Amino acid sequence: MKKVCFVCLGNICRSPMAEFVMANLDKEDSLSVESRATSTWEHGNPIHRGTQAILQRYQIPYTNDKGSQPISKDDLAYFDYIIGMDEQNVKDLKALSQGTYDDKISLFCDGGVPDPWYTGDFEETYRLVSDGCKQWLTLINNSRD
């Protein structure tokens, strides 16, 4: 089973959205999917209400007890794919990796996914996350790792 971790700044909007969208798309249960934060600002806080509303609207199952969790060096070793939701997330992940796990770290999509905490546009975030997760699922399932 391939292990995937989506990462954003606070782990309350974009990365948990990607976690639950990807898990829902993975009908073969071929992946273990989680999400993390690059910061500790939101540590322990629940998924943002805007993300919860979008997941409900599109009937994406999620857990109410998911709390924000910062990424660790142990996580970098554990996960096969570590996917930053924007360029700054990728920079922060590579700084933590110090070159050791850089080959596992990728940008979610060209241009990244804007943070709805700032934009307020959870619908656009969902569109980008949904499209990107479909592409990542195909890429991961077709990889020979």
N, C-alpha and C. Protein backbone atom coordinates (compact mmCIF):
# COMPACT_ATOMS: atom_id res chain seq x y z
N MET A 1 0.85 -1.18 0.00
CA MET A 1 0.00 0.00 0.00
C MET A 1 0.89 1.24 0.00
N LYS A 2 0.63 2.14 -0.92
CA LYS A 2 1.42 3.37 -1.02
C LYS A 2 0.88 4.39 -0.02
N LYS A 3 1.81 5.12 0.60
CA LYS A 3 1.46 6.07 1.66
C LYS A 3 1.63 7.50 1.13
N VAL A 4 0.53 8.27 1.19
CA VAL A 4 0.48 9.61 0.63
C VAL A 4 0.17 10.61 1.74
N CYS A 5 0.88 11.73 1.75
CA CYS A 5 0.61 12.79 2.71
C CYS A 5 0.50 14.12 1.97
N PHE A 6 -0.65 14.78 2.12
CA PHE A 6 -0.85 16.12 1.59
C PHE A 6 -0.51 17.12 2.69
N VAL A 7 0.17 18.21 2.31
CA VAL A 7 0.66 19.16 3.30
C VAL A 7 0.32 20.59 2.88
N CYS A 8 -0.24 21.34 3.85
CA CYS A 8 -0.45 22.78 3.64
C CYS A 8 0.03 23.51 4.89
N LEU A 9 -0.20 24.79 4.96
CA LEU A 9 0.31 25.60 6.07
C LEU A 9 -0.29 25.18 7.41
N GLY A 10 -1.62 25.12 7.50
CA GLY A 10 -2.26 24.89 8.79
C GLY A 10 -2.90 23.53 8.98
N ASN A 11 -3.09 22.77 7.90
CA ASN A 11 -3.74 21.45 7.95
C ASN A 11 -5.18 21.54 8.44
N ILE A 12 -5.86 22.63 8.03
CA ILE A 12 -7.28 22.75 8.36
C ILE A 12 -8.14 23.01 7.12
N CYS A 13 -7.53 23.37 5.99
CA CYS A 13 -8.30 23.68 4.77
C CYS A 13 -7.91 22.77 3.61
N ARG A 14 -6.81 23.09 2.95
CA ARG A 14 -6.45 22.41 1.70
C ARG A 14 -6.01 20.97 1.88
N SER A 15 -5.06 20.72 2.77
CA SER A 15 -4.53 19.35 2.87
C SER A 15 -5.55 18.35 3.41
N PRO A 16 -6.39 18.70 4.40
CA PRO A 16 -7.41 17.72 4.78
C PRO A 16 -8.45 17.52 3.68
N MET A 17 -8.74 18.59 2.92
CA MET A 17 -9.66 18.44 1.79
C MET A 17 -9.08 17.42 0.81
N ALA A 18 -7.80 17.58 0.48
CA ALA A 18 -7.15 16.64 -0.44
C ALA A 18 -7.11 15.23 0.14
N GLU A 19 -6.85 15.12 1.44
CA GLU A 19 -6.81 13.81 2.09
C GLU A 19 -8.13 13.06 1.89
N PHE A 20 -9.24 13.72 2.17
CA PHE A 20 -10.53 13.04 2.11
C PHE A 20 -11.03 12.87 0.68
N VAL A 21 -10.72 13.82 -0.20
CA VAL A 21 -11.08 13.65 -1.62
C VAL A 21 -10.32 12.46 -2.20
N MET A 22 -9.02 12.38 -1.93
CA MET A 22 -8.21 11.27 -2.46
C MET A 22 -8.69 9.94 -1.90
N ALA A 23 -8.95 9.88 -0.62
CA ALA A 23 -9.43 8.63 -0.01
C ALA A 23 -10.74 8.20 -0.65
N ASN A 24 -11.61 9.16 -0.96
CA ASN A 24 -12.89 8.85 -1.59
C ASN A 24 -12.71 8.36 -3.03
N LEU A 25 -11.74 8.92 -3.73
CA LEU A 25 -11.46 8.51 -5.12
C LEU A 25 -10.81 7.13 -5.19
N ASP A 26 -10.10 6.75 -4.15
CA ASP A 26 -9.34 5.49 -4.13
C ASP A 26 -10.27 4.32 -3.84
N LYS A 27 -11.05 3.95 -4.83
CA LYS A 27 -12.06 2.89 -4.68
C LYS A 27 -11.44 1.52 -4.44
N GLU A 28 -10.18 1.35 -4.82
CA GLU A 28 -9.51 0.06 -4.64
C GLU A 28 -8.78 -0.03 -3.30
N ASP A 29 -8.87 1.03 -2.50
CA ASP A 29 -8.16 1.08 -1.21
C ASP A 29 -6.69 0.71 -1.36
N SER A 30 -6.07 1.28 -2.38
CA SER A 30 -4.66 1.00 -2.65
C SER A 30 -3.72 1.98 -1.96
N LEU A 31 -4.30 2.99 -1.31
CA LEU A 31 -3.50 4.04 -0.69
C LEU A 31 -3.82 4.21 0.79
N SER A 32 -2.82 4.63 1.53
CA SER A 32 -3.01 5.14 2.88
C SER A 32 -2.81 6.65 2.76
N VAL A 33 -3.85 7.43 3.05
CA VAL A 33 -3.80 8.87 2.81
C VAL A 33 -3.97 9.63 4.13
N GLU A 34 -3.07 10.58 4.36
CA GLU A 34 -3.13 11.44 5.54
C GLU A 34 -2.78 12.87 5.11
N SER A 35 -2.82 13.79 6.07
CA SER A 35 -2.42 15.16 5.79
C SER A 35 -1.74 15.76 7.02
N ARG A 36 -0.94 16.78 6.76
CA ARG A 36 -0.17 17.44 7.81
C ARG A 36 -0.05 18.94 7.51
N ALA A 37 0.53 19.66 8.47
CA ALA A 37 0.79 21.10 8.36
C ALA A 37 2.29 21.37 8.35
N THR A 38 2.69 22.48 7.73
CA THR A 38 4.09 22.90 7.82
C THR A 38 4.31 23.77 9.05
N SER A 39 3.23 24.22 9.69
CA SER A 39 3.34 25.07 10.87
C SER A 39 2.62 24.41 12.04
N THR A 40 2.79 24.99 13.21
CA THR A 40 2.08 24.51 14.40
C THR A 40 0.96 25.47 14.80
N TRP A 41 0.69 26.47 13.98
CA TRP A 41 -0.28 27.50 14.32
C TRP A 41 -1.65 26.94 14.66
N GLU A 42 -2.09 25.95 13.93
CA GLU A 42 -3.44 25.40 14.11
C GLU A 42 -3.42 24.05 14.83
N HIS A 43 -2.29 23.67 15.42
CA HIS A 43 -2.12 22.34 16.01
C HIS A 43 -3.34 21.93 16.85
N GLY A 44 -3.92 20.79 16.48
CA GLY A 44 -5.06 20.24 17.21
C GLY A 44 -6.41 20.79 16.79
N ASN A 45 -6.42 21.86 16.03
CA ASN A 45 -7.70 22.46 15.62
C ASN A 45 -8.39 21.59 14.58
N PRO A 46 -9.73 21.63 14.56
CA PRO A 46 -10.48 20.82 13.60
C PRO A 46 -10.41 21.38 12.18
N ILE A 47 -10.90 20.60 11.25
CA ILE A 47 -11.00 21.04 9.86
C ILE A 47 -11.85 22.31 9.81
N HIS A 48 -11.42 23.28 9.02
CA HIS A 48 -12.14 24.55 8.87
C HIS A 48 -13.58 24.30 8.44
N ARG A 49 -14.49 25.09 8.96
CA ARG A 49 -15.92 24.90 8.64
C ARG A 49 -16.21 25.04 7.14
N GLY A 50 -15.43 25.86 6.44
CA GLY A 50 -15.61 25.99 4.99
C GLY A 50 -15.23 24.72 4.26
N THR A 51 -14.18 24.06 4.72
CA THR A 51 -13.77 22.77 4.14
C THR A 51 -14.81 21.71 4.47
N GLN A 52 -15.30 21.70 5.70
CA GLN A 52 -16.34 20.74 6.07
C GLN A 52 -17.59 20.93 5.20
N ALA A 53 -17.98 22.18 4.97
CA ALA A 53 -19.17 22.46 4.17
C ALA A 53 -19.01 21.95 2.73
N ILE A 54 -17.83 22.16 2.15
CA ILE A 54 -17.58 21.69 0.78
C ILE A 54 -17.59 20.17 0.72
N LEU A 55 -16.95 19.52 1.69
CA LEU A 55 -16.94 18.06 1.71
C LEU A 55 -18.36 17.51 1.84
N GLN A 56 -19.17 18.15 2.66
CA GLN A 56 -20.57 17.74 2.79
C GLN A 56 -21.33 17.96 1.49
N ARG A 57 -21.13 19.12 0.87
CA ARG A 57 -21.85 19.45 -0.36
C ARG A 57 -21.59 18.41 -1.45
N TYR A 58 -20.35 17.95 -1.54
CA TYR A 58 -19.99 16.98 -2.58
C TYR A 58 -20.00 15.53 -2.07
N GLN A 59 -20.57 15.35 -0.90
CA GLN A 59 -20.76 14.02 -0.31
C GLN A 59 -19.44 13.23 -0.22
N ILE A 60 -18.41 13.93 0.24
CA ILE A 60 -17.10 13.31 0.48
C ILE A 60 -17.04 12.95 1.97
N PRO A 61 -16.94 11.68 2.30
CA PRO A 61 -16.86 11.30 3.71
C PRO A 61 -15.59 11.86 4.36
N TYR A 62 -15.74 12.31 5.60
CA TYR A 62 -14.59 12.80 6.37
C TYR A 62 -14.85 12.54 7.85
N THR A 63 -13.81 12.63 8.65
CA THR A 63 -13.96 12.42 10.08
C THR A 63 -13.97 13.76 10.81
N ASN A 64 -14.96 13.94 11.68
CA ASN A 64 -15.08 15.18 12.44
C ASN A 64 -13.97 15.37 13.45
N ASP A 65 -13.34 14.28 13.86
CA ASP A 65 -12.33 14.39 14.91
C ASP A 65 -10.91 14.61 14.38
N LYS A 66 -10.78 14.83 13.07
CA LYS A 66 -9.47 15.12 12.49
C LYS A 66 -8.98 16.47 13.02
N GLY A 67 -7.79 16.47 13.61
CA GLY A 67 -7.20 17.71 14.10
C GLY A 67 -5.90 18.00 13.37
N SER A 68 -5.56 19.27 13.29
CA SER A 68 -4.33 19.68 12.62
C SER A 68 -3.12 19.05 13.29
N GLN A 69 -2.20 18.60 12.46
CA GLN A 69 -0.99 17.93 12.95
C GLN A 69 0.20 18.39 12.11
N PRO A 70 1.27 18.87 12.76
CA PRO A 70 2.45 19.28 11.99
C PRO A 70 3.22 18.08 11.46
N ILE A 71 3.85 18.27 10.32
CA ILE A 71 4.67 17.21 9.74
C ILE A 71 5.99 17.10 10.51
N SER A 72 6.51 15.90 10.57
CA SER A 72 7.76 15.65 11.29
C SER A 72 8.77 14.97 10.37
N LYS A 73 10.00 14.90 10.82
CA LYS A 73 11.02 14.16 10.05
C LYS A 73 10.65 12.69 9.94
N ASP A 74 10.03 12.14 10.98
CA ASP A 74 9.57 10.75 10.91
C ASP A 74 8.54 10.57 9.80
N ASP A 75 7.66 11.57 9.63
CA ASP A 75 6.68 11.52 8.54
C ASP A 75 7.38 11.50 7.18
N LEU A 76 8.42 12.31 7.04
CA LEU A 76 9.15 12.35 5.78
C LEU A 76 9.72 10.98 5.44
N ALA A 77 10.18 10.27 6.44
CA ALA A 77 10.72 8.92 6.22
C ALA A 77 9.59 7.93 5.91
N TYR A 78 8.45 8.09 6.56
CA TYR A 78 7.35 7.12 6.46
C TYR A 78 6.60 7.17 5.13
N PHE A 79 6.23 8.37 4.69
CA PHE A 79 5.38 8.50 3.51
C PHE A 79 6.16 8.29 2.22
N ASP A 80 5.48 7.71 1.22
CA ASP A 80 6.08 7.52 -0.11
C ASP A 80 5.94 8.77 -0.97
N TYR A 81 4.84 9.50 -0.80
CA TYR A 81 4.54 10.72 -1.55
C TYR A 81 4.19 11.80 -0.55
N ILE A 82 4.90 12.92 -0.61
CA ILE A 82 4.64 14.06 0.26
C ILE A 82 4.35 15.23 -0.66
N ILE A 83 3.10 15.68 -0.65
CA ILE A 83 2.62 16.60 -1.68
C ILE A 83 2.23 17.93 -1.04
N GLY A 84 3.03 18.96 -1.33
CA GLY A 84 2.76 20.30 -0.84
C GLY A 84 1.70 20.98 -1.69
N MET A 85 0.80 21.67 -1.03
CA MET A 85 -0.32 22.29 -1.74
C MET A 85 0.08 23.59 -2.45
N ASP A 86 1.19 24.21 -2.05
CA ASP A 86 1.68 25.39 -2.77
C ASP A 86 3.21 25.42 -2.71
N GLU A 87 3.79 26.37 -3.42
CA GLU A 87 5.26 26.47 -3.53
C GLU A 87 5.92 26.66 -2.17
N GLN A 88 5.32 27.49 -1.31
CA GLN A 88 5.91 27.72 0.01
C GLN A 88 5.90 26.44 0.84
N ASN A 89 4.82 25.66 0.74
CA ASN A 89 4.78 24.37 1.45
C ASN A 89 5.92 23.48 1.00
N VAL A 90 6.17 23.43 -0.31
CA VAL A 90 7.25 22.60 -0.84
C VAL A 90 8.60 23.10 -0.32
N LYS A 91 8.80 24.42 -0.30
CA LYS A 91 10.06 24.97 0.23
C LYS A 91 10.24 24.59 1.69
N ASP A 92 9.16 24.70 2.47
CA ASP A 92 9.24 24.35 3.90
C ASP A 92 9.52 22.86 4.09
N LEU A 93 8.90 22.03 3.27
CA LEU A 93 9.14 20.58 3.35
C LEU A 93 10.59 20.25 3.01
N LYS A 94 11.12 20.89 1.99
CA LYS A 94 12.51 20.63 1.59
C LYS A 94 13.49 21.14 2.64
N ALA A 95 13.13 22.23 3.32
CA ALA A 95 13.99 22.72 4.41
C ALA A 95 14.02 21.70 5.55
N LEU A 96 12.89 21.10 5.86
CA LEU A 96 12.83 20.07 6.89
C LEU A 96 13.57 18.81 6.45
N SER A 97 13.45 18.47 5.19
CA SER A 97 14.08 17.27 4.63
C SER A 97 15.61 17.38 4.59
N GLN A 98 16.12 18.58 4.39
CA GLN A 98 17.56 18.84 4.27
C GLN A 98 18.21 17.92 3.23
N GLY A 99 17.47 17.68 2.13
CA GLY A 99 18.00 16.89 1.03
C GLY A 99 17.79 15.39 1.15
N THR A 100 17.44 14.92 2.32
CA THR A 100 17.32 13.48 2.55
C THR A 100 16.12 12.86 1.84
N TYR A 101 14.99 13.56 1.85
CA TYR A 101 13.76 12.99 1.30
C TYR A 101 13.18 13.84 0.17
N ASP A 102 14.00 14.70 -0.43
CA ASP A 102 13.51 15.61 -1.47
C ASP A 102 12.86 14.88 -2.64
N ASP A 103 13.29 13.66 -2.92
CA ASP A 103 12.72 12.92 -4.05
C ASP A 103 11.27 12.50 -3.79
N LYS A 104 10.82 12.56 -2.56
CA LYS A 104 9.43 12.22 -2.22
C LYS A 104 8.51 13.43 -2.25
N ILE A 105 9.08 14.63 -2.27
CA ILE A 105 8.33 15.88 -2.13
C ILE A 105 7.97 16.44 -3.50
N SER A 106 6.69 16.77 -3.67
CA SER A 106 6.20 17.32 -4.95
C SER A 106 5.20 18.43 -4.69
N LEU A 107 5.03 19.27 -5.70
CA LEU A 107 3.98 20.29 -5.70
C LEU A 107 2.69 19.66 -6.20
N PHE A 108 1.58 19.95 -5.55
CA PHE A 108 0.29 19.37 -5.88
C PHE A 108 -0.09 19.60 -7.34
N CYS A 109 0.03 20.84 -7.79
CA CYS A 109 -0.30 21.17 -9.18
C CYS A 109 0.44 22.45 -9.57
N ASP A 110 0.60 22.66 -10.86
CA ASP A 110 1.25 23.88 -11.35
C ASP A 110 0.54 25.09 -10.76
N GLY A 111 1.30 25.99 -10.18
CA GLY A 111 0.73 27.19 -9.59
C GLY A 111 0.23 26.99 -8.17
N GLY A 112 0.13 25.75 -7.73
CA GLY A 112 -0.34 25.46 -6.38
C GLY A 112 -1.83 25.71 -6.22
N VAL A 113 -2.31 25.44 -5.01
CA VAL A 113 -3.72 25.64 -4.67
C VAL A 113 -3.79 26.83 -3.71
N PRO A 114 -4.45 27.92 -4.12
CA PRO A 114 -4.57 29.08 -3.23
C PRO A 114 -5.25 28.70 -1.91
N ASP A 115 -4.80 29.32 -0.84
CA ASP A 115 -5.32 29.01 0.49
C ASP A 115 -6.68 29.69 0.71
N PRO A 116 -7.76 28.91 0.88
CA PRO A 116 -9.08 29.51 1.06
C PRO A 116 -9.22 30.22 2.41
N TRP A 117 -8.29 30.00 3.32
CA TRP A 117 -8.28 30.76 4.57
C TRP A 117 -8.17 32.25 4.24
N TYR A 118 -7.41 32.55 3.18
CA TYR A 118 -7.22 33.94 2.75
C TYR A 118 -8.17 34.35 1.64
N THR A 119 -8.43 33.44 0.68
CA THR A 119 -9.28 33.80 -0.47
C THR A 119 -10.76 33.69 -0.16
N GLY A 120 -11.13 32.82 0.77
CA GLY A 120 -12.54 32.58 1.08
C GLY A 120 -13.25 31.74 0.03
N ASP A 121 -12.52 31.31 -1.00
CA ASP A 121 -13.15 30.60 -2.13
C ASP A 121 -12.92 29.09 -2.00
N PHE A 122 -13.71 28.46 -1.14
CA PHE A 122 -13.58 27.02 -0.93
C PHE A 122 -14.05 26.23 -2.14
N GLU A 123 -14.93 26.80 -2.93
CA GLU A 123 -15.41 26.12 -4.15
C GLU A 123 -14.26 25.97 -5.15
N GLU A 124 -13.51 27.04 -5.37
CA GLU A 124 -12.36 26.97 -6.28
C GLU A 124 -11.31 26.01 -5.74
N THR A 125 -11.09 26.06 -4.44
CA THR A 125 -10.14 25.13 -3.82
C THR A 125 -10.58 23.70 -4.08
N TYR A 126 -11.86 23.41 -3.90
CA TYR A 126 -12.36 22.06 -4.13
C TYR A 126 -12.15 21.64 -5.59
N ARG A 127 -12.42 22.54 -6.52
CA ARG A 127 -12.25 22.21 -7.94
C ARG A 127 -10.80 21.83 -8.23
N LEU A 128 -9.87 22.63 -7.74
CA LEU A 128 -8.45 22.34 -7.96
C LEU A 128 -8.03 21.05 -7.26
N VAL A 129 -8.51 20.85 -6.04
CA VAL A 129 -8.16 19.65 -5.28
C VAL A 129 -8.74 18.41 -5.95
N SER A 130 -9.99 18.47 -6.36
CA SER A 130 -10.63 17.32 -7.01
C SER A 130 -9.90 16.95 -8.30
N ASP A 131 -9.64 17.94 -9.14
CA ASP A 131 -8.93 17.68 -10.40
C ASP A 131 -7.53 17.13 -10.13
N GLY A 132 -6.82 17.75 -9.20
CA GLY A 132 -5.46 17.32 -8.89
C GLY A 132 -5.40 15.93 -8.30
N CYS A 133 -6.34 15.61 -7.42
CA CYS A 133 -6.34 14.27 -6.81
C CYS A 133 -6.58 13.19 -7.85
N LYS A 134 -7.42 13.47 -8.83
CA LYS A 134 -7.65 12.49 -9.90
C LYS A 134 -6.35 12.23 -10.65
N GLN A 135 -5.60 13.30 -10.93
CA GLN A 135 -4.32 13.15 -11.63
C GLN A 135 -3.30 12.42 -10.76
N TRP A 136 -3.23 12.76 -9.48
CA TRP A 136 -2.29 12.09 -8.59
C TRP A 136 -2.64 10.62 -8.43
N LEU A 137 -3.92 10.29 -8.33
CA LEU A 137 -4.31 8.89 -8.18
C LEU A 137 -3.84 8.07 -9.38
N THR A 138 -4.04 8.61 -10.57
CA THR A 138 -3.58 7.92 -11.78
C THR A 138 -2.07 7.77 -11.77
N LEU A 139 -1.36 8.85 -11.47
CA LEU A 139 0.10 8.82 -11.44
C LEU A 139 0.62 7.80 -10.43
N ILE A 140 0.07 7.83 -9.23
CA ILE A 140 0.54 6.92 -8.17
C ILE A 140 0.21 5.47 -8.52
N ASN A 141 -0.99 5.22 -8.99
CA ASN A 141 -1.38 3.85 -9.33
C ASN A 141 -0.59 3.30 -10.52
N ASN A 142 -0.11 4.18 -11.38
CA ASN A 142 0.67 3.74 -12.54
C ASN A 142 2.17 3.67 -12.27
N SER A 143 2.59 4.14 -11.09
CA SER A 143 4.02 4.10 -10.76
C SER A 143 4.43 2.68 -10.41
N ARG A 144 5.70 2.40 -10.57
CA ARG A 144 6.21 1.04 -10.31
C ARG A 144 6.88 0.94 -8.95
N ASP A 145 6.70 1.94 -8.11
CA ASP A 145 7.35 1.93 -6.77
C ASP A 145 6.87 0.77 -5.94
